[in-house]
Amino acid sequence: FLSANTMYWQVGLAPSASGVADRLMTCRKRRGPGKSALWREVDRPEQQLLGIQYAGRVPEPSPLVVRNAEHWLWDSTGAADGDEIAGLVAGEADRYFPRTSLPEHDKRIL
């Protein structure tokens, strides 16, 4: 993913107004008794599926630091580990949280 905040909120499927099953996607962002809104709140943080999770807003553009430059994403770019691409991280950002478990995988890509 070259995005952030991919699966922060839980969503559910409901029938359409005409009764067709699973046609209306809903997302509760208000909390209440028994109404968990975030995956983290039910012990299923997004990092356990994606390998990273939402960290917060980025008020000013920041550089993306190249890691694992041998990955195909960086092919033919000339990028090397540690290079910075100015202003590429903006709006919202994800990051790796060391105390949150990771999915089973061979290696971290970015």
PDB file of N, CA and C in Angstrom:
ATOM      1  N   PHE A   1       0.841  -1.179   0.000  1.00  0.00           N
ATOM      2  CA  PHE A   1       0.000   0.000   0.000  1.00  0.00           C
ATOM      3  C   PHE A   1       0.883   1.239   0.000  1.00  0.00           C
ATOM      4  N   LEU A   2       0.546   2.185  -0.812  1.00  0.00           N
ATOM      5  CA  LEU A   2       1.212   3.484  -0.751  1.00  0.00           C
ATOM      6  C   LEU A   2       0.185   4.490  -0.246  1.00  0.00           C
ATOM      7  N   SER A   3      -0.337   4.184   0.922  1.00  0.00           N
ATOM      8  CA  SER A   3      -1.359   5.020   1.539  1.00  0.00           C
ATOM      9  C   SER A   3      -1.229   4.860   3.044  1.00  0.00           C
ATOM     10  N   ALA A   4      -2.113   5.495   3.777  1.00  0.00           N
ATOM     11  CA  ALA A   4      -2.110   5.364   5.232  1.00  0.00           C
ATOM     12  C   ALA A   4      -3.539   5.188   5.722  1.00  0.00           C
ATOM     13  N   ASN A   5      -3.649   4.726   6.961  1.00  0.00           N
ATOM     14  CA  ASN A   5      -4.942   4.611   7.613  1.00  0.00           C
ATOM     15  C   ASN A   5      -5.863   3.661   6.844  1.00  0.00           C
ATOM     16  N   THR A   6      -5.313   2.556   6.375  1.00  0.00           N
ATOM     17  CA  THR A   6      -6.033   1.641   5.492  1.00  0.00           C
ATOM     18  C   THR A   6      -7.205   0.934   6.157  1.00  0.00           C
ATOM     19  N   MET A   7      -7.042   0.481   7.388  1.00  0.00           N
ATOM     20  CA  MET A   7      -8.151  -0.235   8.039  1.00  0.00           C
ATOM     21  C   MET A   7      -8.238   0.096   9.524  1.00  0.00           C
ATOM     22  N   TYR A   8      -8.305   1.356   9.827  1.00  0.00           N
ATOM     23  CA  TYR A   8      -8.366   1.846  11.200  1.00  0.00           C
ATOM     24  C   TYR A   8      -9.728   1.576  11.830  1.00  0.00           C
ATOM     25  N   TRP A   9     -10.803   1.920  11.112  1.00  0.00           N
ATOM     26  CA  TRP A   9     -12.170   1.760  11.611  1.00  0.00           C
ATOM     27  C   TRP A   9     -12.734   0.408  11.197  1.00  0.00           C
ATOM     28  N   GLN A  10     -13.571  -0.173  12.054  1.00  0.00           N
ATOM     29  CA  GLN A  10     -14.310  -1.373  11.670  1.00  0.00           C
ATOM     30  C   GLN A  10     -15.495  -0.959  10.802  1.00  0.00           C
ATOM     31  N   VAL A  11     -15.813  -1.779   9.838  1.00  0.00           N
ATOM     32  CA  VAL A  11     -17.009  -1.560   9.024  1.00  0.00           C
ATOM     33  C   VAL A  11     -17.845  -2.833   9.056  1.00  0.00           C
ATOM     34  N   GLY A  12     -19.094  -2.685   8.702  1.00  0.00           N
ATOM     35  CA  GLY A  12     -19.990  -3.833   8.638  1.00  0.00           C
ATOM     36  C   GLY A  12     -20.863  -3.743   7.405  1.00  0.00           C
ATOM     37  N   LEU A  13     -21.393  -4.862   6.980  1.00  0.00           N
ATOM     38  CA  LEU A  13     -22.290  -4.899   5.829  1.00  0.00           C
ATOM     39  C   LEU A  13     -23.712  -5.136   6.312  1.00  0.00           C
ATOM     40  N   ALA A  14     -24.633  -4.407   5.701  1.00  0.00           N
ATOM     41  CA  ALA A  14     -26.049  -4.508   6.054  1.00  0.00           C
ATOM     42  C   ALA A  14     -26.858  -4.612   4.766  1.00  0.00           C
ATOM     43  N   PRO A  15     -28.118  -5.025   4.872  1.00  0.00           N
ATOM     44  CA  PRO A  15     -28.950  -5.105   3.663  1.00  0.00           C
ATOM     45  C   PRO A  15     -29.285  -3.716   3.123  1.00  0.00           C
ATOM     46  N   SER A  16     -29.513  -3.662   1.826  1.00  0.00           N
ATOM     47  CA  SER A  16     -29.941  -2.408   1.189  1.00  0.00           C
ATOM     48  C   SER A  16     -31.378  -2.093   1.592  1.00  0.00           C
ATOM     49  N   ALA A  17     -31.856  -0.922   1.202  1.00  0.00           N
ATOM     50  CA  ALA A  17     -33.240  -0.530   1.509  1.00  0.00           C
ATOM     51  C   ALA A  17     -34.240  -1.515   0.911  1.00  0.00           C
ATOM     52  N   SER A  18     -33.857  -2.149  -0.208  1.00  0.00           N
ATOM     53  CA  SER A  18     -34.754  -3.123  -0.843  1.00  0.00           C
ATOM     54  C   SER A  18     -34.578  -4.536  -0.285  1.00  0.00           C
ATOM     55  N   GLY A  19     -33.666  -4.697   0.683  1.00  0.00           N
ATOM     56  CA  GLY A  19     -33.505  -5.988   1.338  1.00  0.00           C
ATOM     57  C   GLY A  19     -32.409  -6.876   0.786  1.00  0.00           C
ATOM     58  N   VAL A  20     -31.633  -6.394  -0.191  1.00  0.00           N
ATOM     59  CA  VAL A  20     -30.535  -7.202  -0.733  1.00  0.00           C
ATOM     60  C   VAL A  20     -29.415  -7.254   0.310  1.00  0.00           C
ATOM     61  N   ALA A  21     -29.021  -8.458   0.668  1.00  0.00           N
ATOM     62  CA  ALA A  21     -28.024  -8.651   1.729  1.00  0.00           C
ATOM     63  C   ALA A  21     -26.668  -8.052   1.371  1.00  0.00           C
ATOM     64  N   ASP A  22     -25.989  -7.563   2.385  1.00  0.00           N
ATOM     65  CA  ASP A  22     -24.593  -7.110   2.285  1.00  0.00           C
ATOM     66  C   ASP A  22     -24.357  -6.060   1.202  1.00  0.00           C
ATOM     67  N   ARG A  23     -25.258  -5.118   1.040  1.00  0.00           N
ATOM     68  CA  ARG A  23     -25.116  -4.084   0.005  1.00  0.00           C
ATOM     69  C   ARG A  23     -24.790  -2.711   0.576  1.00  0.00           C
ATOM     70  N   LEU A  24     -24.919  -2.534   1.880  1.00  0.00           N
ATOM     71  CA  LEU A  24     -24.700  -1.236   2.502  1.00  0.00           C
ATOM     72  C   LEU A  24     -23.551  -1.356   3.496  1.00  0.00           C
ATOM     73  N   MET A  25     -22.475  -0.613   3.242  1.00  0.00           N
ATOM     74  CA  MET A  25     -21.340  -0.633   4.156  1.00  0.00           C
ATOM     75  C   MET A  25     -21.525   0.483   5.180  1.00  0.00           C
ATOM     76  N   THR A  26     -21.391   0.123   6.442  1.00  0.00           N
ATOM     77  CA  THR A  26     -21.540   1.108   7.504  1.00  0.00           C
ATOM     78  C   THR A  26     -20.274   1.154   8.348  1.00  0.00           C
ATOM     79  N   CYS A  27     -20.007   2.318   8.900  1.00  0.00           N
ATOM     80  CA  CYS A  27     -18.844   2.515   9.761  1.00  0.00           C
ATOM     81  C   CYS A  27     -19.282   3.361  10.949  1.00  0.00           C
ATOM     82  N   ARG A  28     -19.254   2.765  12.136  1.00  0.00           N
ATOM     83  CA  ARG A  28     -19.609   3.506  13.355  1.00  0.00           C
ATOM     84  C   ARG A  28     -18.367   4.187  13.894  1.00  0.00           C
ATOM     85  N   LYS A  29     -18.411   5.496  13.975  1.00  0.00           N
ATOM     86  CA  LYS A  29     -17.279   6.227  14.531  1.00  0.00           C
ATOM     87  C   LYS A  29     -17.600   6.801  15.907  1.00  0.00           C
ATOM     88  N   ARG A  30     -18.795   6.548  16.380  1.00  0.00           N
ATOM     89  CA  ARG A  30     -19.164   6.956  17.733  1.00  0.00           C
ATOM     90  C   ARG A  30     -19.115   5.736  18.625  1.00  0.00           C
ATOM     91  N   ARG A  31     -18.505   5.915  19.746  1.00  0.00           N
ATOM     92  CA  ARG A  31     -18.369   4.797  20.669  1.00  0.00           C
ATOM     93  C   ARG A  31     -19.517   4.787  21.673  1.00  0.00           C
ATOM     94  N   GLY A  32     -19.834   3.632  22.129  1.00  0.00           N
ATOM     95  CA  GLY A  32     -20.853   3.474  23.155  1.00  0.00           C
ATOM     96  C   GLY A  32     -20.708   2.100  23.769  1.00  0.00           C
ATOM     97  N   PRO A  33     -21.502   1.789  24.752  1.00  0.00           N
ATOM     98  CA  PRO A  33     -21.408   0.468  25.385  1.00  0.00           C
ATOM     99  C   PRO A  33     -21.543  -0.659  24.361  1.00  0.00           C
ATOM    100  N   GLY A  34     -20.532  -1.522  24.312  1.00  0.00           N
ATOM    101  CA  GLY A  34     -20.575  -2.661  23.405  1.00  0.00           C
ATOM    102  C   GLY A  34     -20.398  -2.324  21.949  1.00  0.00           C
ATOM    103  N   LYS A  35     -19.974  -1.112  21.637  1.00  0.00           N
ATOM    104  CA  LYS A  35     -19.841  -0.691  20.235  1.00  0.00           C
ATOM    105  C   LYS A  35     -18.399  -0.295  19.937  1.00  0.00           C
ATOM    106  N   SER A  36     -17.529  -1.254  19.863  1.00  0.00           N
ATOM    107  CA  SER A  36     -16.141  -0.958  19.499  1.00  0.00           C
ATOM    108  C   SER A  36     -16.097  -0.427  18.085  1.00  0.00           C
ATOM    109  N   ALA A  37     -15.325   0.612  17.876  1.00  0.00           N
ATOM    110  CA  ALA A  37     -15.237   1.219  16.558  1.00  0.00           C
ATOM    111  C   ALA A  37     -13.907   0.912  15.870  1.00  0.00           C
ATOM    112  N   LEU A  38     -12.863   0.683  16.637  1.00  0.00           N
ATOM    113  CA  LEU A  38     -11.534   0.463  16.075  1.00  0.00           C
ATOM    114  C   LEU A  38     -11.134  -1.003  16.201  1.00  0.00           C
ATOM    115  N   TRP A  39     -10.401  -1.483  15.207  1.00  0.00           N
ATOM    116  CA  TRP A  39      -9.898  -2.856  15.277  1.00  0.00           C
ATOM    117  C   TRP A  39      -9.030  -3.053  16.516  1.00  0.00           C
ATOM    118  N   ARG A  40      -8.271  -2.046  16.884  1.00  0.00           N
ATOM    119  CA  ARG A  40      -7.396  -2.151  18.054  1.00  0.00           C
ATOM    120  C   ARG A  40      -8.184  -2.396  19.330  1.00  0.00           C
ATOM    121  N   GLU A  41      -9.404  -1.897  19.379  1.00  0.00           N
ATOM    122  CA  GLU A  41     -10.220  -2.014  20.588  1.00  0.00           C
ATOM    123  C   GLU A  41     -10.739  -3.430  20.823  1.00  0.00           C
ATOM    124  N   VAL A  42     -10.666  -4.271  19.821  1.00  0.00           N
ATOM    125  CA  VAL A  42     -11.083  -5.668  19.978  1.00  0.00           C
ATOM    126  C   VAL A  42      -9.880  -6.602  19.815  1.00  0.00           C
ATOM    127  N   ASP A  43      -8.702  -6.068  20.168  1.00  0.00           N
ATOM    128  CA  ASP A  43      -7.452  -6.829  20.140  1.00  0.00           C
ATOM    129  C   ASP A  43      -7.150  -7.408  18.761  1.00  0.00           C
ATOM    130  N   ARG A  44      -7.464  -6.637  17.711  1.00  0.00           N
ATOM    131  CA  ARG A  44      -7.134  -7.039  16.345  1.00  0.00           C
ATOM    132  C   ARG A  44      -6.520  -5.847  15.610  1.00  0.00           C
ATOM    133  N   PRO A  45      -5.385  -5.318  16.108  1.00  0.00           N
ATOM    134  CA  PRO A  45      -4.797  -4.141  15.485  1.00  0.00           C
ATOM    135  C   PRO A  45      -4.433  -4.402  14.026  1.00  0.00           C
ATOM    136  N   GLU A  46      -4.550  -3.373  13.225  1.00  0.00           N
ATOM    137  CA  GLU A  46      -4.326  -3.517  11.789  1.00  0.00           C
ATOM    138  C   GLU A  46      -2.922  -4.000  11.451  1.00  0.00           C
ATOM    139  N   GLN A  47      -1.952  -3.749  12.324  1.00  0.00           N
ATOM    140  CA  GLN A  47      -0.585  -4.209  12.071  1.00  0.00           C
ATOM    141  C   GLN A  47      -0.501  -5.730  12.007  1.00  0.00           C
ATOM    142  N   GLN A  48      -1.394  -6.436  12.679  1.00  0.00           N
ATOM    143  CA  GLN A  48      -1.375  -7.895  12.639  1.00  0.00           C
ATOM    144  C   GLN A  48      -1.750  -8.433  11.262  1.00  0.00           C
ATOM    145  N   LEU A  49      -2.376  -7.624  10.430  1.00  0.00           N
ATOM    146  CA  LEU A  49      -2.703  -8.018   9.062  1.00  0.00           C
ATOM    147  C   LEU A  49      -1.791  -7.337   8.048  1.00  0.00           C
ATOM    148  N   LEU A  50      -1.560  -6.029   8.224  1.00  0.00           N
ATOM    149  CA  LEU A  50      -0.840  -5.238   7.224  1.00  0.00           C
ATOM    150  C   LEU A  50       0.654  -5.105   7.477  1.00  0.00           C
ATOM    151  N   GLY A  51       1.089  -5.294   8.729  1.00  0.00           N
ATOM    152  CA  GLY A  51       2.497  -5.122   9.055  1.00  0.00           C
ATOM    153  C   GLY A  51       2.836  -3.727   9.550  1.00  0.00           C
ATOM    154  N   ILE A  52       1.923  -2.787   9.404  1.00  0.00           N
ATOM    155  CA  ILE A  52       2.042  -1.432   9.935  1.00  0.00           C
ATOM    156  C   ILE A  52       0.644  -0.982  10.335  1.00  0.00           C
ATOM    157  N   GLN A  53       0.566   0.129  11.042  1.00  0.00           N
ATOM    158  CA  GLN A  53      -0.756   0.641  11.377  1.00  0.00           C
ATOM    159  C   GLN A  53      -0.720   2.157  11.513  1.00  0.00           C
ATOM    160  N   TYR A  54      -1.913   2.725  11.548  1.00  0.00           N
ATOM    161  CA  TYR A  54      -2.083   4.171  11.591  1.00  0.00           C
ATOM    162  C   TYR A  54      -1.368   4.763  12.793  1.00  0.00           C
ATOM    163  N   ALA A  55      -0.567   5.809  12.536  1.00  0.00           N
ATOM    164  CA  ALA A  55       0.187   6.469  13.594  1.00  0.00           C
ATOM    165  C   ALA A  55      -0.368   7.849  13.919  1.00  0.00           C
ATOM    166  N   GLY A  56      -0.963   8.513  12.937  1.00  0.00           N
ATOM    167  CA  GLY A  56      -1.517   9.832  13.208  1.00  0.00           C
ATOM    168  C   GLY A  56      -1.410  10.765  12.024  1.00  0.00           C
ATOM    169  N   ARG A  57      -1.809  11.997  12.286  1.00  0.00           N
ATOM    170  CA  ARG A  57      -1.779  13.027  11.252  1.00  0.00           C
ATOM    171  C   ARG A  57      -0.363  13.563  11.088  1.00  0.00           C
ATOM    172  N   VAL A  58      -0.058  14.002   9.886  1.00  0.00           N
ATOM    173  CA  VAL A  58       1.229  14.612   9.572  1.00  0.00           C
ATOM    174  C   VAL A  58       0.916  16.034   9.107  1.00  0.00           C
ATOM    175  N   PRO A  59       1.014  17.023  10.011  1.00  0.00           N
ATOM    176  CA  PRO A  59       0.571  18.375   9.674  1.00  0.00           C
ATOM    177  C   PRO A  59       1.414  19.065   8.603  1.00  0.00           C
ATOM    178  N   GLU A  60       2.682  18.734   8.537  1.00  0.00           N
ATOM    179  CA  GLU A  60       3.575  19.310   7.526  1.00  0.00           C
ATOM    180  C   GLU A  60       4.204  18.170   6.732  1.00  0.00           C
ATOM    181  N   PRO A  61       4.330  18.325   5.408  1.00  0.00           N
ATOM    182  CA  PRO A  61       4.968  17.268   4.611  1.00  0.00           C
ATOM    183  C   PRO A  61       6.343  16.893   5.166  1.00  0.00           C
ATOM    184  N   SER A  62       6.606  15.597   5.191  1.00  0.00           N
ATOM    185  CA  SER A  62       7.864  15.057   5.707  1.00  0.00           C
ATOM    186  C   SER A  62       8.463  14.112   4.676  1.00  0.00           C
ATOM    187  N   PRO A  63       9.771  13.833   4.782  1.00  0.00           N
ATOM    188  CA  PRO A  63      10.382  12.926   3.812  1.00  0.00           C
ATOM    189  C   PRO A  63      10.025  11.465   4.069  1.00  0.00           C
ATOM    190  N   LEU A  64       9.962  10.693   2.994  1.00  0.00           N
ATOM    191  CA  LEU A  64       9.884   9.241   3.093  1.00  0.00           C
ATOM    192  C   LEU A  64      11.322   8.744   3.047  1.00  0.00           C
ATOM    193  N   VAL A  65      11.722   7.950   4.029  1.00  0.00           N
ATOM    194  CA  VAL A  65      13.079   7.411   4.071  1.00  0.00           C
ATOM    195  C   VAL A  65      13.066   6.041   3.403  1.00  0.00           C
ATOM    196  N   VAL A  66      13.924   5.855   2.407  1.00  0.00           N
ATOM    197  CA  VAL A  66      13.996   4.595   1.663  1.00  0.00           C
ATOM    198  C   VAL A  66      14.588   3.512   2.555  1.00  0.00           C
ATOM    199  N   ARG A  67      13.882   2.378   2.614  1.00  0.00           N
ATOM    200  CA  ARG A  67      14.374   1.185   3.305  1.00  0.00           C
ATOM    201  C   ARG A  67      14.203   0.011   2.353  1.00  0.00           C
ATOM    202  N   ASN A  68      15.070  -0.960   2.448  1.00  0.00           N
ATOM    203  CA  ASN A  68      15.021  -2.142   1.579  1.00  0.00           C
ATOM    204  C   ASN A  68      15.019  -1.738   0.108  1.00  0.00           C
ATOM    205  N   ALA A  69      16.002  -0.964  -0.265  1.00  0.00           N
ATOM    206  CA  ALA A  69      16.089  -0.434  -1.630  1.00  0.00           C
ATOM    207  C   ALA A  69      16.185  -1.530  -2.688  1.00  0.00           C
ATOM    208  N   GLU A  70      16.467  -2.775  -2.284  1.00  0.00           N
ATOM    209  CA  GLU A  70      16.536  -3.874  -3.251  1.00  0.00           C
ATOM    210  C   GLU A  70      15.147  -4.373  -3.652  1.00  0.00           C
ATOM    211  N   HIS A  71      14.096  -3.923  -2.979  1.00  0.00           N
ATOM    212  CA  HIS A  71      12.730  -4.338  -3.313  1.00  0.00           C
ATOM    213  C   HIS A  71      12.340  -3.804  -4.689  1.00  0.00           C
ATOM    214  N   TRP A  72      11.461  -4.536  -5.407  1.00  0.00           N
ATOM    215  CA  TRP A  72      11.069  -4.153  -6.763  1.00  0.00           C
ATOM    216  C   TRP A  72      10.442  -2.768  -6.832  1.00  0.00           C
ATOM    217  N   LEU A  73       9.855  -2.303  -5.744  1.00  0.00           N
ATOM    218  CA  LEU A  73       9.253  -0.970  -5.748  1.00  0.00           C
ATOM    219  C   LEU A  73      10.264   0.104  -6.145  1.00  0.00           C
ATOM    220  N   TRP A  74      11.515  -0.115  -5.772  1.00  0.00           N
ATOM    221  CA  TRP A  74      12.550   0.884  -6.032  1.00  0.00           C
ATOM    222  C   TRP A  74      13.344   0.607  -7.311  1.00  0.00           C
ATOM    223  N   ASP A  75      13.011  -0.458  -8.050  1.00  0.00           N
ATOM    224  CA  ASP A  75      13.732  -0.774  -9.291  1.00  0.00           C
ATOM    225  C   ASP A  75      13.813   0.441 -10.208  1.00  0.00           C
ATOM    226  N   SER A  76      14.976   0.649 -10.773  1.00  0.00           N
ATOM    227  CA  SER A  76      15.235   1.707 -11.765  1.00  0.00           C
ATOM    228  C   SER A  76      15.020   3.119 -11.234  1.00  0.00           C
ATOM    229  N   THR A  77      14.982   3.285  -9.911  1.00  0.00           N
ATOM    230  CA  THR A  77      14.819   4.632  -9.356  1.00  0.00           C
ATOM    231  C   THR A  77      16.147   5.238  -8.932  1.00  0.00           C
ATOM    232  N   GLY A  78      17.153   4.381  -8.729  1.00  0.00           N
ATOM    233  CA  GLY A  78      18.427   4.862  -8.216  1.00  0.00           C
ATOM    234  C   GLY A  78      18.408   5.085  -6.712  1.00  0.00           C
ATOM    235  N   ALA A  79      17.299   4.756  -6.064  1.00  0.00           N
ATOM    236  CA  ALA A  79      17.176   4.972  -4.620  1.00  0.00           C
ATOM    237  C   ALA A  79      18.055   3.991  -3.853  1.00  0.00           C
ATOM    238  N   ALA A  80      18.626   4.470  -2.763  1.00  0.00           N
ATOM    239  CA  ALA A  80      19.455   3.647  -1.883  1.00  0.00           C
ATOM    240  C   ALA A  80      18.914   3.752  -0.461  1.00  0.00           C
ATOM    241  N   ASP A  81      19.181   2.719   0.345  1.00  0.00           N
ATOM    242  CA  ASP A  81      18.750   2.759   1.741  1.00  0.00           C
ATOM    243  C   ASP A  81      19.214   4.057   2.394  1.00  0.00           C
ATOM    244  N   GLY A  82      18.291   4.701   3.097  1.00  0.00           N
ATOM    245  CA  GLY A  82      18.608   5.946   3.794  1.00  0.00           C
ATOM    246  C   GLY A  82      18.307   7.201   2.997  1.00  0.00           C
ATOM    247  N   ASP A  83      18.114   7.065   1.683  1.00  0.00           N
ATOM    248  CA  ASP A  83      17.741   8.244   0.884  1.00  0.00           C
ATOM    249  C   ASP A  83      16.410   8.784   1.382  1.00  0.00           C
ATOM    250  N   GLU A  84      16.230  10.080   1.243  1.00  0.00           N
ATOM    251  CA  GLU A  84      14.976  10.709   1.641  1.00  0.00           C
ATOM    252  C   GLU A  84      14.300  11.323   0.431  1.00  0.00           C
ATOM    253  N   ILE A  85      13.004  11.084   0.298  1.00  0.00           N
ATOM    254  CA  ILE A  85      12.207  11.696  -0.765  1.00  0.00           C
ATOM    255  C   ILE A  85      11.379  12.781  -0.084  1.00  0.00           C
ATOM    256  N   ALA A  86      11.783  14.014  -0.308  1.00  0.00           N
ATOM    257  CA  ALA A  86      11.211  15.161   0.407  1.00  0.00           C
ATOM    258  C   ALA A  86       9.709  15.294   0.181  1.00  0.00           C
ATOM    259  N   GLY A  87       8.988  15.572   1.260  1.00  0.00           N
ATOM    260  CA  GLY A  87       7.576  15.923   1.186  1.00  0.00           C
ATOM    261  C   GLY A  87       6.610  14.825   0.810  1.00  0.00           C
ATOM    262  N   LEU A  88       7.062  13.586   0.718  1.00  0.00           N
ATOM    263  CA  LEU A  88       6.183  12.512   0.249  1.00  0.00           C
ATOM    264  C   LEU A  88       5.188  12.031   1.312  1.00  0.00           C
ATOM    265  N   VAL A  89       5.528  12.187   2.577  1.00  0.00           N
ATOM    266  CA  VAL A  89       4.619  11.781   3.650  1.00  0.00           C
ATOM    267  C   VAL A  89       3.857  13.020   4.116  1.00  0.00           C
ATOM    268  N   ALA A  90       2.535  12.996   3.919  1.00  0.00           N
ATOM    269  CA  ALA A  90       1.719  14.158   4.295  1.00  0.00           C
ATOM    270  C   ALA A  90       0.293  13.703   4.593  1.00  0.00           C
ATOM    271  N   GLY A  91      -0.401  14.476   5.377  1.00  0.00           N
ATOM    272  CA  GLY A  91      -1.794  14.166   5.695  1.00  0.00           C
ATOM    273  C   GLY A  91      -1.913  13.189   6.841  1.00  0.00           C
ATOM    274  N   GLU A  92      -1.707  11.909   6.562  1.00  0.00           N
ATOM    275  CA  GLU A  92      -1.741  10.859   7.575  1.00  0.00           C
ATOM    276  C   GLU A  92      -0.593   9.893   7.298  1.00  0.00           C
ATOM    277  N   ALA A  93      -0.165   9.189   8.341  1.00  0.00           N
ATOM    278  CA  ALA A  93       0.930   8.238   8.155  1.00  0.00           C
ATOM    279  C   ALA A  93       0.726   7.003   9.021  1.00  0.00           C
ATOM    280  N   ASP A  94       1.226   5.888   8.534  1.00  0.00           N
ATOM    281  CA  ASP A  94       1.303   4.639   9.278  1.00  0.00           C
ATOM    282  C   ASP A  94       2.751   4.456   9.718  1.00  0.00           C
ATOM    283  N   ARG A  95       2.944   3.567  10.672  1.00  0.00           N
ATOM    284  CA  ARG A  95       4.304   3.194  11.054  1.00  0.00           C
ATOM    285  C   ARG A  95       4.273   1.813  11.686  1.00  0.00           C
ATOM    286  N   TYR A  96       5.446   1.263  11.882  1.00  0.00           N
ATOM    287  CA  TYR A  96       5.615  -0.020  12.554  1.00  0.00           C
ATOM    288  C   TYR A  96       5.660   0.228  14.061  1.00  0.00           C
ATOM    289  N   PHE A  97       4.861  -0.525  14.813  1.00  0.00           N
ATOM    290  CA  PHE A  97       4.847  -0.441  16.270  1.00  0.00           C
ATOM    291  C   PHE A  97       5.522  -1.697  16.821  1.00  0.00           C
ATOM    292  N   PRO A  98       6.730  -1.585  17.389  1.00  0.00           N
ATOM    293  CA  PRO A  98       7.482  -2.764  17.830  1.00  0.00           C
ATOM    294  C   PRO A  98       6.769  -3.646  18.853  1.00  0.00           C
ATOM    295  N   ARG A  99       5.866  -3.108  19.656  1.00  0.00           N
ATOM    296  CA  ARG A  99       5.191  -3.902  20.685  1.00  0.00           C
ATOM    297  C   ARG A  99       3.911  -4.564  20.193  1.00  0.00           C
ATOM    298  N   THR A 100       3.571  -4.351  18.940  1.00  0.00           N
ATOM    299  CA  THR A 100       2.386  -4.977  18.350  1.00  0.00           C
ATOM    300  C   THR A 100       2.852  -6.094  17.433  1.00  0.00           C
ATOM    301  N   SER A 101       2.241  -7.261  17.538  1.00  0.00           N
ATOM    302  CA  SER A 101       2.693  -8.400  16.736  1.00  0.00           C
ATOM    303  C   SER A 101       2.491  -8.146  15.247  1.00  0.00           C
ATOM    304  N   LEU A 102       3.292  -8.830  14.467  1.00  0.00           N
ATOM    305  CA  LEU A 102       3.261  -8.722  13.010  1.00  0.00           C
ATOM    306  C   LEU A 102       2.599  -9.956  12.407  1.00  0.00           C
ATOM    307  N   PRO A 103       2.136  -9.848  11.163  1.00  0.00           N
ATOM    308  CA  PRO A 103       1.665 -11.048  10.476  1.00  0.00           C
ATOM    309  C   PRO A 103       2.869 -11.928  10.148  1.00  0.00           C
ATOM    310  N   GLU A 104       2.611 -13.191   9.849  1.00  0.00           N
ATOM    311  CA  GLU A 104       3.708 -14.045   9.397  1.00  0.00           C
ATOM    312  C   GLU A 104       4.124 -13.576   8.011  1.00  0.00           C
ATOM    313  N   HIS A 105       5.412 -13.334   7.828  1.00  0.00           N
ATOM    314  CA  HIS A 105       5.917 -12.868   6.543  1.00  0.00           C
ATOM    315  C   HIS A 105       7.412 -13.153   6.479  1.00  0.00           C
ATOM    316  N   ASP A 106       7.951 -13.018   5.281  1.00  0.00           N
ATOM    317  CA  ASP A 106       9.371 -13.280   5.090  1.00  0.00           C
ATOM    318  C   ASP A 106      10.241 -12.101   5.485  1.00  0.00           C
ATOM    319  N   LYS A 107       9.799 -10.878   5.126  1.00  0.00           N
ATOM    320  CA  LYS A 107      10.596  -9.695   5.436  1.00  0.00           C
ATOM    321  C   LYS A 107       9.732  -8.448   5.340  1.00  0.00           C
ATOM    322  N   ARG A 108      10.200  -7.400   5.987  1.00  0.00           N
ATOM    323  CA  ARG A 108       9.541  -6.105   5.866  1.00  0.00           C
ATOM    324  C   ARG A 108       9.980  -5.475   4.560  1.00  0.00           C
ATOM    325  N   ILE A 109       9.046  -4.877   3.857  1.00  0.00           N
ATOM    326  CA  ILE A 109       9.347  -4.308   2.545  1.00  0.00           C
ATOM    327  C   ILE A 109       9.800  -2.862   2.647  1.00  0.00           C
ATOM    328  N   LEU A 110       9.038  -2.045   3.320  1.00  0.00           N
ATOM    329  CA  LEU A 110       9.372  -0.619   3.398  1.00  0.00           C
ATOM    330  C   LEU A 110       9.660  -0.214   4.823  1.00  0.00           C
TER     331      LEU A 110
END
